[in-house]
Protein backbone atom coordinates (compact mmCIF):
# COMPACT_ATOMS: atom_id res chain seq x y z
CA MET A 1 0.04 0.23 0.40
CA ARG A 2 2.95 2.19 0.73
CA LYS A 3 4.74 1.68 -2.99
CA ARG A 4 1.61 2.50 -4.31
CA LEU A 5 1.03 5.55 -2.25
CA TYR A 6 4.67 6.90 -3.01
CA THR A 7 4.13 5.71 -6.10
CA LEU A 8 1.02 7.91 -7.02
CA TYR A 9 3.31 10.61 -4.92
CA ASN A 10 5.79 10.15 -8.14
CA TYR A 11 3.63 10.36 -10.23
CA LEU A 12 1.77 14.02 -9.46
CA ALA A 13 5.50 15.44 -8.29
CA SER A 14 6.50 15.16 -11.70
CA TYR A 15 6.78 17.77 -13.80
CA PRO A 16 4.12 17.01 -16.78
CA VAL A 17 1.58 16.69 -14.23
CA ILE A 18 2.39 20.10 -12.73
CA ALA A 19 2.14 21.58 -15.58
CA LEU A 20 -1.04 20.48 -16.41
CA LEU A 21 -2.28 21.36 -13.55
CA LEU A 22 -0.86 24.77 -13.90
CA ALA A 23 -2.26 24.94 -17.01
CA ALA A 24 -6.07 23.80 -15.65
CA THR A 25 -5.69 26.45 -12.99
CA VAL A 26 -4.68 29.14 -15.62
CA LEU A 27 -7.59 28.18 -17.92
CA VAL A 28 -10.20 28.16 -14.81
CA VAL A 29 -8.77 31.99 -13.71
CA TYR A 30 -9.29 32.72 -17.26
CA ASN A 31 -12.91 31.31 -17.74
CA GLY A 32 -13.75 33.25 -14.38
CA ARG A 33 -12.28 36.06 -15.58
CA GLN A 34 -14.56 36.18 -18.71
CA TYR A 35 -18.21 36.11 -16.40
CA ARG A 36 -16.73 38.84 -14.03
CA PRO A 37 -18.46 41.58 -16.44
CA PHE A 38 -21.77 39.68 -16.56
CA GLU A 39 -21.81 39.55 -12.39
CA SER A 40 -21.11 43.13 -12.26
CA LYS A 41 -23.91 43.94 -15.10
CA GLN A 42 -26.16 41.35 -13.22
CA GLN A 43 -25.53 43.06 -9.84
CA ALA A 44 -26.19 46.32 -11.31
CA LEU A 45 -29.42 45.25 -12.46
CA LEU A 46 -29.92 44.05 -9.07
CA LEU A 47 -28.84 47.69 -7.42
CA GLN A 48 -31.43 49.39 -10.19
CA ASN A 49 -34.43 47.53 -9.70
CA MET A 50 -33.72 48.37 -5.48
CA GLU A 51 -33.43 51.92 -6.91
CA LEU A 52 -36.85 51.74 -8.82
CA SER A 53 -38.46 49.90 -6.17
CA GLN A 54 -37.63 52.07 -3.61
CA GLU A 55 -38.66 54.90 -6.56
CA ARG A 56 -41.62 53.26 -7.25
CA GLN A 57 -43.09 53.33 -3.49
CA GLU A 58 -42.33 57.17 -3.07
CA LEU A 59 -44.07 57.72 -5.92
CA ARG A 60 -47.15 55.58 -4.38
CA GLU A 61 -46.98 57.33 -1.56
CA GLU A 62 -47.56 60.46 -2.43
CA LEU A 63 -49.63 59.26 -4.75
CA ASN A 64 -51.67 58.00 -1.92
CA SER A 65 -50.88 61.41 0.41
CA LEU A 66 -52.52 63.57 -3.18
CA ARG A 67 -55.49 61.76 -3.06
CA GLN A 68 -56.36 61.90 0.51
CA GLU A 69 -55.89 65.46 0.04
CA ASP A 70 -57.93 65.33 -2.45
CA LEU A 71 -60.47 63.96 -0.30
CA ARG A 72 -60.05 66.54 2.33
CA LYS A 73 -60.72 68.95 -0.09
CA ARG A 74 -63.68 67.88 -1.57
CA TYR A 75 -65.54 67.00 1.88
CA ILE A 76 -64.06 70.91 3.05
CA LEU A 77 -65.54 71.89 -0.66
CA PHE A 78 -69.11 69.71 -0.02
CA ASN A 79 -69.64 70.94 3.13
CA GLN A 80 -69.53 74.67 2.26
CA ASP A 81 -72.91 73.99 0.28
CA PHE A 82 -74.68 72.44 3.64
CA LEU A 83 -76.24 74.10 5.71
CA SER A 84 -76.13 74.04 9.47
CA LEU A 85 -78.51 73.01 12.15
CA SER A 86 -78.54 76.92 13.34
CA GLU A 87 -79.94 77.48 9.79
CA ALA A 88 -81.72 74.84 8.93
CA ASN A 89 -84.70 76.01 10.56
CA ALA A 90 -88.36 76.79 8.56
CA ASP A 91 -88.35 80.68 9.30
CA ASN A 92 -84.88 81.36 7.12
CA LEU A 93 -85.73 78.67 4.32
CA GLU A 94 -89.21 80.55 4.06
CA ASN A 95 -87.56 84.03 3.55
CA THR A 96 -84.51 82.57 1.35
CA PHE A 97 -86.98 80.64 -1.03
CA GLN A 98 -90.41 82.09 -0.57
CA SER A 99 -89.32 84.42 -4.52
CA VAL A 100 -88.87 80.94 -6.21
CA PHE A 101 -92.17 79.76 -5.66
CA THR A 102 -93.86 83.16 -6.07
CA ALA A 103 -92.29 83.45 -9.23
CA ASN A 104 -93.64 80.68 -10.07
CA GLY A 105 -97.47 81.41 -8.98
CA TRP A 106 -97.80 79.37 -5.47
CA VAL A 107 -97.89 81.12 -2.16
CA ILE A 108 -96.31 79.84 0.46
CA SER A 109 -98.65 78.31 3.29
CA SER A 110 -96.72 76.81 5.98
CA THR A 111 -93.63 75.21 6.94
CA LYS A 112 -91.97 73.41 9.10
CA VAL A 113 -88.55 71.58 10.02
CA VAL A 114 -88.90 67.59 11.29
CA PRO A 115 -85.89 65.04 11.66
CA LEU A 116 -86.48 61.93 9.02
CA ASP A 117 -88.69 60.06 11.89
CA GLY A 118 -90.85 63.24 11.46
CA GLU A 119 -91.06 64.48 15.31
CA ALA A 120 -90.57 68.01 15.57
CA VAL A 121 -87.75 69.83 16.37
CA SER A 122 -87.44 72.08 20.08
CA GLU A 123 -84.45 74.79 19.75
CA ALA A 124 -83.06 72.90 23.13
CA ASP A 125 -82.78 69.23 21.34
CA ALA A 126 -81.57 71.25 17.73
CA GLU A 127 -78.63 72.47 20.41
CA LEU A 128 -78.04 68.92 22.32
CA GLU A 129 -78.07 67.40 18.71
CA GLU A 130 -75.59 70.40 16.93
CA ALA A 131 -73.01 69.52 20.22
CA ALA A 132 -72.89 65.70 20.00
CA VAL A 133 -73.21 64.74 15.43
CA GLU A 134 -70.23 62.94 14.64
CA TYR A 135 -68.66 62.64 11.50
CA GLY A 136 -71.33 61.50 8.69
CA VAL A 137 -74.19 63.42 6.78
CA GLN A 138 -76.72 64.38 9.05
CA GLY A 139 -79.67 65.32 7.38
CA ARG A 140 -83.76 67.17 8.22
CA GLU A 141 -86.56 67.05 6.42
CA TRP A 142 -88.08 70.53 4.79
CA VAL A 143 -91.98 70.38 4.66
CA ILE A 144 -93.28 72.65 3.01
CA ARG A 145 -96.99 73.42 1.77
CA VAL A 146 -98.01 75.73 -0.84
CA SER A 147 -101.04 77.22 -2.36
CA ALA A 148 -101.84 78.77 -6.31
CA PRO A 149 -105.74 80.47 -7.11
CA ARG A 150 -106.71 79.02 -10.09
CA LYS A 151 -106.03 81.50 -12.38
CA GLU A 152 -107.42 81.78 -16.03
CA ASN A 153 -106.19 81.72 -19.41
CA GLU A 154 -104.29 84.44 -20.72
CA GLY A 155 -103.63 84.22 -23.72
CA ASP A 156 -101.72 81.52 -24.69
CA GLU A 157 -100.03 80.39 -21.40
CA ASN A 158 -101.43 78.09 -19.55
CA PHE A 159 -101.15 77.71 -15.58
CA LEU A 160 -99.90 74.12 -15.24
CA PRO A 161 -99.36 73.70 -11.86
CA LEU A 162 -97.06 70.17 -11.65
CA TYR A 163 -94.73 71.82 -14.45
CA SER A 164 -94.17 74.61 -11.78
CA LEU A 165 -93.56 73.28 -9.33
CA THR A 166 -91.37 70.82 -11.07
CA GLN A 167 -89.81 74.07 -11.80
CA CYS A 168 -89.32 75.29 -8.64
CA ILE A 169 -87.71 72.40 -7.31
CA ARG A 170 -85.15 72.08 -10.43
CA PHE A 171 -83.88 75.75 -8.82
CA LEU A 172 -83.45 74.52 -5.54
CA TRP A 173 -81.70 71.71 -6.57
CA SER A 174 -79.07 73.65 -8.49
CA ARG A 175 -78.37 75.93 -5.75
CA SER A 176 -76.55 75.82 -2.39
CA PRO A 177 -77.50 74.09 0.03
CA VAL A 178 -78.10 71.00 -1.60
CA MET A 179 -81.19 69.48 -1.19
CA GLU A 180 -83.23 67.44 -2.74
CA CYS A 181 -86.78 66.48 -3.27
CA ARG A 182 -88.82 63.31 -1.29
CA SER A 183 -91.85 64.04 -2.31
CA ILE A 184 -94.60 66.02 -4.27
CA GLU A 185 -98.62 65.92 -3.22
CA LEU A 186 -100.27 68.15 -5.62
CA SER A 187 -104.47 68.42 -4.17
CA ARG A 188 -107.14 70.22 -6.80
CA LEU A 189 -109.29 72.33 -5.17
CA GLY A 190 -112.84 73.84 -5.57
CA ASP A 191 -110.79 77.38 -6.35
CA GLY A 192 -107.60 76.41 -6.59
CA TYR A 193 -104.22 73.88 -5.89
CA GLU A 194 -102.62 72.92 -3.22
CA ALA A 195 -99.38 71.26 -2.68
CA THR A 196 -97.44 70.03 -0.31
CA LEU A 197 -93.20 69.05 -0.22
CA SER A 198 -90.69 67.22 0.97
CA PHE A 199 -87.17 68.31 0.60
CA PHE A 200 -84.47 66.23 2.69
CA LEU A 201 -81.32 68.68 3.72
CA PRO A 202 -78.07 67.19 4.51
CA LEU A 203 -76.93 69.34 7.77
CA ARG A 204 -72.86 70.64 7.54
CA ASP A 205 -70.36 68.63 9.32
CA PRO A 206 -69.24 70.97 12.90
CA ASN A 207 -66.04 69.62 12.72
CA GLY A 208 -64.80 71.09 9.33
CA LEU A 209 -67.05 74.22 10.09
CA ASN A 210 -63.75 75.51 11.72
CA GLU A 211 -61.30 74.04 8.11
CA PRO A 212 -61.05 76.86 5.62
CA LEU A 213 -62.07 76.41 1.76
CA PRO A 214 -58.43 75.47 -0.33
CA ALA A 215 -57.87 78.92 -1.92
CA GLU A 216 -56.68 76.94 -4.92
CA LEU A 217 -60.23 75.21 -5.55
């Protein structure tokens, strides 16, 4: 066994074998140097991918911030078009929109502002509710009763009660404060017409009352 080991060592220590090993080593080093540009390129691509990922994350965060800011501005803008709880009273609404109904041939008989469940609102309840309103759209119902005398035809102009009420509703819908007509009840009387209209009044969020409207809007 020892003799065989000595023989192997002699072969390995011979010059041809050493030259062959050196040549193989040079070949391996040479081949390794050829792959270095590919490794460097791969490292550069990985680094560029990391930078792009970070930039994408920053852009995503900026976009989310812009979306939140845009949503906040829209909320402030729409909140300005709603009525505050102190403004949502029958006298204020009647004085503001009486001319609209008068111009279309109607006379306001009575108005009242009630919660959506139909119960009357007292001033004390209104103050307590204004202090306790949470985030979200609160609302009131404005019930208005109008009447119009039956008119004789004047030339080609006829008084169309439903059309005239529709014109009133269209005007109210296009003007601030925001209000939506919930129902119309139209009755014909002996000497004219009578109608009862119900409007939904969204109330302004008191938490956003003190926030100024952005100048760019």
